[in-house]
Amino acid sequence: MLEGWVSLPRAAERALLDSMVARGVWLEPTLAIEDIYAHPERYRAHAGEAQLGTSVAEWWSLGAGTAAQRRRQAVTARLREVVRHFHAAGGVVLAGTDLAPLPGFGLTDELALLVEAGLSPAAALRAATLDPARVFG
């Protein structure tokens, strides 16, 4: 799915996001799960290597500085743009994460990434509290 956002023409993106907003579709982008691979240096301080899943620790050591990591960085940057445009169009963004290697840290990281994507701190906090409550009743 994320690779699709990178290659989606801007006009098609706008039409898709406008359609989502018009239909009341919400977006839960899980920015942190992608960002952990694109920018592992942000997450190393959260936990020692012993606490990380082996595959993640190996990927970090083998993938750093590679074309794969640069591609992941491009994808995450583009995904943040999509989140910014969706939110600016009036879409409901929900905070969520699948950050299994670093349990307990994912949500706060997700909120910070939502702010980096263009949500205000208050909007990011709503994305983790009030908006999910409204969406899920």
N, C-alpha and C. Protein backbone atom coordinates (compact mmCIF):
# COMPACT_ATOMS: atom_id res chain seq x y z
N MET A 1 0.82 -1.19 0.00
CA MET A 1 0.00 0.00 0.00
C MET A 1 0.86 1.25 0.00
N LEU A 2 1.88 1.29 0.85
CA LEU A 2 2.68 2.51 0.96
C LEU A 2 3.42 2.83 -0.32
N GLU A 3 3.92 1.83 -1.00
CA GLU A 3 4.60 2.07 -2.27
C GLU A 3 3.65 2.72 -3.27
N GLY A 4 2.38 2.38 -3.19
CA GLY A 4 1.39 2.98 -4.08
C GLY A 4 1.26 4.48 -3.88
N TRP A 5 1.38 4.92 -2.64
CA TRP A 5 1.29 6.36 -2.38
C TRP A 5 2.44 7.11 -3.01
N VAL A 6 3.62 6.50 -3.05
CA VAL A 6 4.80 7.17 -3.59
C VAL A 6 4.63 7.46 -5.07
N SER A 7 4.01 6.52 -5.79
CA SER A 7 3.89 6.69 -7.24
C SER A 7 2.55 7.27 -7.69
N LEU A 8 1.65 7.51 -6.77
CA LEU A 8 0.33 8.05 -7.12
C LEU A 8 0.47 9.50 -7.58
N PRO A 9 -0.03 9.82 -8.77
CA PRO A 9 0.02 11.22 -9.23
C PRO A 9 -0.74 12.13 -8.25
N ARG A 10 -0.26 13.35 -8.10
CA ARG A 10 -0.85 14.28 -7.12
C ARG A 10 -2.33 14.51 -7.36
N ALA A 11 -2.76 14.63 -8.61
CA ALA A 11 -4.17 14.86 -8.90
C ALA A 11 -5.01 13.66 -8.47
N ALA A 12 -4.50 12.46 -8.68
CA ALA A 12 -5.21 11.25 -8.25
C ALA A 12 -5.26 11.18 -6.73
N GLU A 13 -4.17 11.58 -6.10
CA GLU A 13 -4.14 11.61 -4.63
C GLU A 13 -5.21 12.55 -4.10
N ARG A 14 -5.28 13.73 -4.65
CA ARG A 14 -6.25 14.73 -4.21
C ARG A 14 -7.67 14.19 -4.37
N ALA A 15 -7.95 13.57 -5.52
CA ALA A 15 -9.28 13.01 -5.75
C ALA A 15 -9.59 11.90 -4.76
N LEU A 16 -8.62 11.03 -4.50
CA LEU A 16 -8.83 9.94 -3.55
C LEU A 16 -9.07 10.47 -2.14
N LEU A 17 -8.24 11.42 -1.71
CA LEU A 17 -8.39 11.96 -0.36
C LEU A 17 -9.72 12.72 -0.22
N ASP A 18 -10.09 13.49 -1.24
CA ASP A 18 -11.37 14.20 -1.19
C ASP A 18 -12.53 13.22 -1.11
N SER A 19 -12.43 12.12 -1.85
CA SER A 19 -13.47 11.10 -1.81
C SER A 19 -13.55 10.45 -0.43
N MET A 20 -12.41 10.18 0.15
CA MET A 20 -12.38 9.59 1.50
C MET A 20 -13.03 10.53 2.51
N VAL A 21 -12.68 11.81 2.44
CA VAL A 21 -13.25 12.79 3.37
C VAL A 21 -14.76 12.88 3.16
N ALA A 22 -15.21 12.96 1.92
CA ALA A 22 -16.64 13.08 1.62
C ALA A 22 -17.43 11.88 2.13
N ARG A 23 -16.81 10.71 2.15
CA ARG A 23 -17.50 9.50 2.59
C ARG A 23 -17.30 9.21 4.08
N GLY A 24 -16.56 10.07 4.76
CA GLY A 24 -16.34 9.87 6.20
C GLY A 24 -15.36 8.76 6.52
N VAL A 25 -14.50 8.43 5.56
CA VAL A 25 -13.48 7.41 5.79
C VAL A 25 -12.37 8.03 6.63
N TRP A 26 -11.96 7.34 7.67
CA TRP A 26 -10.87 7.85 8.51
C TRP A 26 -9.56 7.17 8.12
N LEU A 27 -8.46 7.76 8.53
CA LEU A 27 -7.13 7.26 8.17
C LEU A 27 -6.34 7.01 9.44
N GLU A 28 -5.83 5.81 9.58
CA GLU A 28 -4.94 5.44 10.70
C GLU A 28 -3.64 4.97 10.05
N PRO A 29 -2.68 5.89 9.87
CA PRO A 29 -1.54 5.61 9.01
C PRO A 29 -0.41 4.77 9.60
N THR A 30 -0.37 4.55 10.89
CA THR A 30 0.73 3.83 11.55
C THR A 30 2.10 4.29 11.01
N LEU A 31 2.35 5.58 11.16
CA LEU A 31 3.60 6.15 10.69
C LEU A 31 4.82 5.55 11.39
N ALA A 32 4.69 5.24 12.67
CA ALA A 32 5.84 4.78 13.45
C ALA A 32 6.37 3.44 12.97
N ILE A 33 5.49 2.54 12.54
CA ILE A 33 5.97 1.22 12.12
C ILE A 33 6.83 1.32 10.86
N GLU A 34 6.56 2.27 10.01
CA GLU A 34 7.40 2.49 8.84
C GLU A 34 8.66 3.29 9.20
N ASP A 35 8.47 4.26 10.09
CA ASP A 35 9.58 5.13 10.45
C ASP A 35 10.69 4.38 11.18
N ILE A 36 10.34 3.33 11.91
CA ILE A 36 11.37 2.58 12.65
C ILE A 36 12.41 1.98 11.71
N TYR A 37 11.99 1.63 10.49
CA TYR A 37 12.92 1.09 9.51
C TYR A 37 13.60 2.18 8.70
N ALA A 38 12.90 3.28 8.49
CA ALA A 38 13.47 4.38 7.71
C ALA A 38 14.47 5.19 8.52
N HIS A 39 14.20 5.35 9.81
CA HIS A 39 15.06 6.17 10.68
C HIS A 39 15.33 5.44 11.99
N PRO A 40 16.04 4.33 11.95
CA PRO A 40 16.24 3.53 13.16
C PRO A 40 16.97 4.28 14.26
N GLU A 41 17.76 5.28 13.90
CA GLU A 41 18.50 6.04 14.92
C GLU A 41 17.56 6.71 15.92
N ARG A 42 16.34 7.02 15.51
CA ARG A 42 15.37 7.63 16.41
C ARG A 42 14.92 6.68 17.51
N TYR A 43 15.02 5.37 17.24
CA TYR A 43 14.42 4.38 18.11
C TYR A 43 15.41 3.58 18.93
N ARG A 44 16.66 3.63 18.59
CA ARG A 44 17.66 2.86 19.32
C ARG A 44 17.71 3.25 20.80
N ALA A 45 17.46 4.50 21.12
CA ALA A 45 17.51 4.94 22.51
C ALA A 45 16.38 4.37 23.35
N HIS A 46 15.29 3.96 22.71
CA HIS A 46 14.14 3.42 23.44
C HIS A 46 14.45 2.10 24.13
N ALA A 47 15.27 1.29 23.50
CA ALA A 47 15.51 -0.05 24.03
C ALA A 47 16.86 -0.56 23.55
N GLY A 48 17.50 -1.36 24.38
CA GLY A 48 18.76 -1.97 23.99
C GLY A 48 18.51 -3.06 22.96
N GLU A 49 19.57 -3.47 22.29
CA GLU A 49 19.45 -4.50 21.27
C GLU A 49 18.82 -5.78 21.82
N ALA A 50 19.05 -6.09 23.08
CA ALA A 50 18.51 -7.33 23.66
C ALA A 50 16.99 -7.31 23.69
N GLN A 51 16.38 -6.14 23.77
CA GLN A 51 14.93 -6.04 23.84
C GLN A 51 14.27 -6.04 22.47
N LEU A 52 15.05 -5.84 21.44
CA LEU A 52 14.50 -5.77 20.10
C LEU A 52 14.36 -7.16 19.51
N GLY A 53 13.40 -7.31 18.64
CA GLY A 53 13.28 -8.57 17.91
C GLY A 53 14.52 -8.77 17.06
N THR A 54 14.96 -9.98 16.92
CA THR A 54 16.19 -10.27 16.19
C THR A 54 16.13 -9.73 14.77
N SER A 55 15.01 -9.90 14.09
CA SER A 55 14.94 -9.46 12.69
C SER A 55 15.10 -7.95 12.57
N VAL A 56 14.54 -7.21 13.52
CA VAL A 56 14.67 -5.75 13.49
C VAL A 56 16.11 -5.35 13.76
N ALA A 57 16.72 -5.94 14.77
CA ALA A 57 18.11 -5.61 15.09
C ALA A 57 19.02 -5.94 13.91
N GLU A 58 18.80 -7.09 13.27
CA GLU A 58 19.60 -7.45 12.11
C GLU A 58 19.37 -6.49 10.96
N TRP A 59 18.11 -6.13 10.73
CA TRP A 59 17.81 -5.20 9.64
C TRP A 59 18.50 -3.87 9.88
N TRP A 60 18.45 -3.39 11.12
CA TRP A 60 19.10 -2.12 11.43
C TRP A 60 20.59 -2.19 11.12
N SER A 61 21.24 -3.28 11.51
CA SER A 61 22.68 -3.36 11.30
C SER A 61 23.03 -3.58 9.82
N LEU A 62 22.20 -4.33 9.11
CA LEU A 62 22.48 -4.62 7.71
C LEU A 62 21.92 -3.57 6.75
N GLY A 63 20.81 -2.93 7.15
CA GLY A 63 20.12 -2.05 6.22
C GLY A 63 20.54 -0.59 6.28
N ALA A 64 21.27 -0.20 7.30
CA ALA A 64 21.62 1.20 7.46
C ALA A 64 22.41 1.72 6.27
N GLY A 65 21.94 2.82 5.71
CA GLY A 65 22.64 3.47 4.61
C GLY A 65 22.47 2.82 3.26
N THR A 66 21.63 1.82 3.16
CA THR A 66 21.44 1.11 1.90
C THR A 66 20.37 1.78 1.06
N ALA A 67 20.27 1.34 -0.18
CA ALA A 67 19.23 1.84 -1.06
C ALA A 67 17.85 1.51 -0.50
N ALA A 68 17.72 0.35 0.15
CA ALA A 68 16.44 -0.04 0.74
C ALA A 68 16.02 0.94 1.84
N GLN A 69 16.97 1.36 2.65
CA GLN A 69 16.64 2.31 3.70
C GLN A 69 16.29 3.67 3.10
N ARG A 70 17.00 4.10 2.10
CA ARG A 70 16.69 5.38 1.45
C ARG A 70 15.30 5.33 0.83
N ARG A 71 14.94 4.19 0.26
CA ARG A 71 13.59 4.03 -0.32
C ARG A 71 12.55 4.10 0.79
N ARG A 72 12.81 3.45 1.91
CA ARG A 72 11.89 3.51 3.06
C ARG A 72 11.72 4.96 3.52
N GLN A 73 12.81 5.71 3.53
CA GLN A 73 12.74 7.11 3.93
C GLN A 73 11.88 7.91 2.98
N ALA A 74 12.00 7.65 1.69
CA ALA A 74 11.16 8.34 0.70
C ALA A 74 9.69 7.99 0.89
N VAL A 75 9.42 6.73 1.16
CA VAL A 75 8.05 6.28 1.37
C VAL A 75 7.46 6.94 2.61
N THR A 76 8.21 6.98 3.71
CA THR A 76 7.67 7.58 4.94
C THR A 76 7.47 9.08 4.78
N ALA A 77 8.36 9.74 4.06
CA ALA A 77 8.18 11.18 3.82
C ALA A 77 6.92 11.43 3.01
N ARG A 78 6.70 10.60 2.02
CA ARG A 78 5.50 10.74 1.19
C ARG A 78 4.24 10.43 1.99
N LEU A 79 4.30 9.43 2.84
CA LEU A 79 3.15 9.10 3.67
C LEU A 79 2.80 10.26 4.61
N ARG A 80 3.80 10.93 5.15
CA ARG A 80 3.53 12.11 5.99
C ARG A 80 2.83 13.20 5.18
N GLU A 81 3.21 13.36 3.91
CA GLU A 81 2.53 14.33 3.04
C GLU A 81 1.06 13.94 2.86
N VAL A 82 0.81 12.67 2.63
CA VAL A 82 -0.56 12.19 2.46
C VAL A 82 -1.38 12.49 3.72
N VAL A 83 -0.81 12.21 4.88
CA VAL A 83 -1.50 12.48 6.15
C VAL A 83 -1.79 13.98 6.27
N ARG A 84 -0.80 14.81 5.95
CA ARG A 84 -0.99 16.26 6.02
C ARG A 84 -2.12 16.72 5.11
N HIS A 85 -2.12 16.24 3.87
CA HIS A 85 -3.16 16.64 2.92
C HIS A 85 -4.54 16.13 3.35
N PHE A 86 -4.61 14.91 3.83
CA PHE A 86 -5.88 14.34 4.27
C PHE A 86 -6.44 15.15 5.45
N HIS A 87 -5.59 15.45 6.41
CA HIS A 87 -6.02 16.24 7.57
C HIS A 87 -6.45 17.64 7.15
N ALA A 88 -5.68 18.27 6.27
CA ALA A 88 -6.01 19.62 5.80
C ALA A 88 -7.34 19.64 5.04
N ALA A 89 -7.68 18.53 4.39
CA ALA A 89 -8.94 18.44 3.65
C ALA A 89 -10.13 18.17 4.57
N GLY A 90 -9.87 18.02 5.87
CA GLY A 90 -10.94 17.78 6.83
C GLY A 90 -11.12 16.33 7.22
N GLY A 91 -10.19 15.47 6.81
CA GLY A 91 -10.28 14.05 7.15
C GLY A 91 -9.93 13.79 8.61
N VAL A 92 -10.48 12.71 9.12
CA VAL A 92 -10.22 12.30 10.51
C VAL A 92 -9.03 11.34 10.52
N VAL A 93 -7.98 11.76 11.21
CA VAL A 93 -6.77 10.94 11.35
C VAL A 93 -6.80 10.32 12.74
N LEU A 94 -6.56 9.02 12.81
CA LEU A 94 -6.50 8.31 14.08
C LEU A 94 -5.06 7.86 14.34
N ALA A 95 -4.65 7.94 15.59
CA ALA A 95 -3.31 7.49 15.96
C ALA A 95 -3.36 6.01 16.31
N GLY A 96 -2.44 5.28 15.75
CA GLY A 96 -2.34 3.87 16.06
C GLY A 96 -0.98 3.39 15.64
N THR A 97 -0.57 2.27 16.16
CA THR A 97 0.75 1.77 15.82
C THR A 97 0.80 0.26 15.94
N ASP A 98 1.63 -0.32 15.14
CA ASP A 98 1.93 -1.74 15.20
C ASP A 98 3.38 -1.91 15.62
N LEU A 99 3.86 -1.06 16.47
CA LEU A 99 5.28 -1.00 16.80
C LEU A 99 5.66 -2.10 17.77
N ALA A 100 5.49 -3.33 17.36
CA ALA A 100 5.74 -4.47 18.22
C ALA A 100 7.16 -4.56 18.78
N PRO A 101 8.19 -4.20 18.04
CA PRO A 101 9.53 -4.36 18.64
C PRO A 101 9.77 -3.48 19.86
N LEU A 102 9.03 -2.40 19.97
CA LEU A 102 9.25 -1.46 21.07
C LEU A 102 7.95 -1.16 21.79
N PRO A 103 7.32 -2.17 22.40
CA PRO A 103 6.04 -1.91 23.06
C PRO A 103 6.17 -0.84 24.13
N GLY A 104 5.13 -0.01 24.20
CA GLY A 104 5.13 1.05 25.19
C GLY A 104 5.62 2.38 24.65
N PHE A 105 6.31 2.34 23.52
CA PHE A 105 6.84 3.58 22.96
C PHE A 105 6.11 4.01 21.70
N GLY A 106 5.47 3.10 21.04
CA GLY A 106 4.89 3.36 19.73
C GLY A 106 3.91 4.51 19.68
N LEU A 107 3.01 4.63 20.65
CA LEU A 107 1.99 5.66 20.57
C LEU A 107 2.58 7.05 20.71
N THR A 108 3.50 7.25 21.62
CA THR A 108 4.10 8.57 21.76
C THR A 108 4.90 8.93 20.51
N ASP A 109 5.57 7.94 19.93
CA ASP A 109 6.29 8.18 18.68
C ASP A 109 5.31 8.52 17.57
N GLU A 110 4.18 7.81 17.53
CA GLU A 110 3.17 8.07 16.50
C GLU A 110 2.65 9.50 16.62
N LEU A 111 2.41 9.96 17.83
CA LEU A 111 1.92 11.33 18.02
C LEU A 111 2.94 12.35 17.53
N ALA A 112 4.20 12.12 17.84
CA ALA A 112 5.26 13.03 17.37
C ALA A 112 5.32 13.04 15.84
N LEU A 113 5.16 11.87 15.22
CA LEU A 113 5.20 11.79 13.77
C LEU A 113 3.97 12.46 13.14
N LEU A 114 2.83 12.38 13.79
CA LEU A 114 1.65 13.09 13.30
C LEU A 114 1.89 14.60 13.32
N VAL A 115 2.55 15.08 14.35
CA VAL A 115 2.89 16.51 14.42
C VAL A 115 3.88 16.84 13.30
N GLU A 116 4.88 15.98 13.09
CA GLU A 116 5.81 16.19 11.97
C GLU A 116 5.07 16.22 10.63
N ALA A 117 3.99 15.46 10.54
CA ALA A 117 3.21 15.40 9.30
C ALA A 117 2.35 16.64 9.10
N GLY A 118 2.21 17.46 10.12
CA GLY A 118 1.46 18.70 9.94
C GLY A 118 0.27 18.88 10.86
N LEU A 119 -0.06 17.89 11.68
CA LEU A 119 -1.13 18.08 12.65
C LEU A 119 -0.61 18.93 13.80
N SER A 120 -1.47 19.72 14.39
CA SER A 120 -1.06 20.46 15.58
C SER A 120 -0.91 19.45 16.72
N PRO A 121 -0.19 19.81 17.78
CA PRO A 121 -0.11 18.90 18.93
C PRO A 121 -1.50 18.54 19.48
N ALA A 122 -2.40 19.51 19.51
CA ALA A 122 -3.76 19.23 19.99
C ALA A 122 -4.48 18.26 19.07
N ALA A 123 -4.31 18.41 17.76
CA ALA A 123 -4.96 17.50 16.81
C ALA A 123 -4.37 16.10 16.92
N ALA A 124 -3.06 16.00 17.14
CA ALA A 124 -2.44 14.69 17.32
C ALA A 124 -2.99 14.02 18.58
N LEU A 125 -3.14 14.78 19.64
CA LEU A 125 -3.69 14.22 20.88
C LEU A 125 -5.13 13.76 20.67
N ARG A 126 -5.91 14.55 19.94
CA ARG A 126 -7.29 14.13 19.61
C ARG A 126 -7.29 12.84 18.78
N ALA A 127 -6.28 12.69 17.92
CA ALA A 127 -6.18 11.49 17.08
C ALA A 127 -5.98 10.23 17.91
N ALA A 128 -5.52 10.39 19.14
CA ALA A 128 -5.30 9.24 20.02
C ALA A 128 -6.36 9.11 21.11
N THR A 129 -7.26 10.07 21.20
CA THR A 129 -8.22 10.05 22.31
C THR A 129 -9.66 10.25 21.81
N LEU A 130 -10.04 11.48 21.60
CA LEU A 130 -11.42 11.81 21.26
C LEU A 130 -11.88 11.26 19.91
N ASP A 131 -11.04 11.40 18.89
CA ASP A 131 -11.45 10.95 17.56
C ASP A 131 -11.69 9.44 17.47
N PRO A 132 -10.81 8.59 18.05
CA PRO A 132 -11.13 7.16 18.03
C PRO A 132 -12.42 6.84 18.80
N ALA A 133 -12.63 7.56 19.89
CA ALA A 133 -13.87 7.33 20.66
C ALA A 133 -15.09 7.66 19.81
N ARG A 134 -15.02 8.74 19.05
CA ARG A 134 -16.13 9.12 18.18
C ARG A 134 -16.29 8.10 17.03
N VAL A 135 -15.20 7.74 16.40
CA VAL A 135 -15.25 6.84 15.25
C VAL A 135 -15.81 5.47 15.65
N PHE A 136 -15.38 4.98 16.80
CA PHE A 136 -15.80 3.64 17.23
C PHE A 136 -17.00 3.65 18.17
N GLY A 137 -17.56 4.84 18.39
CA GLY A 137 -18.77 4.96 19.20
C GLY A 137 -18.55 4.68 20.65
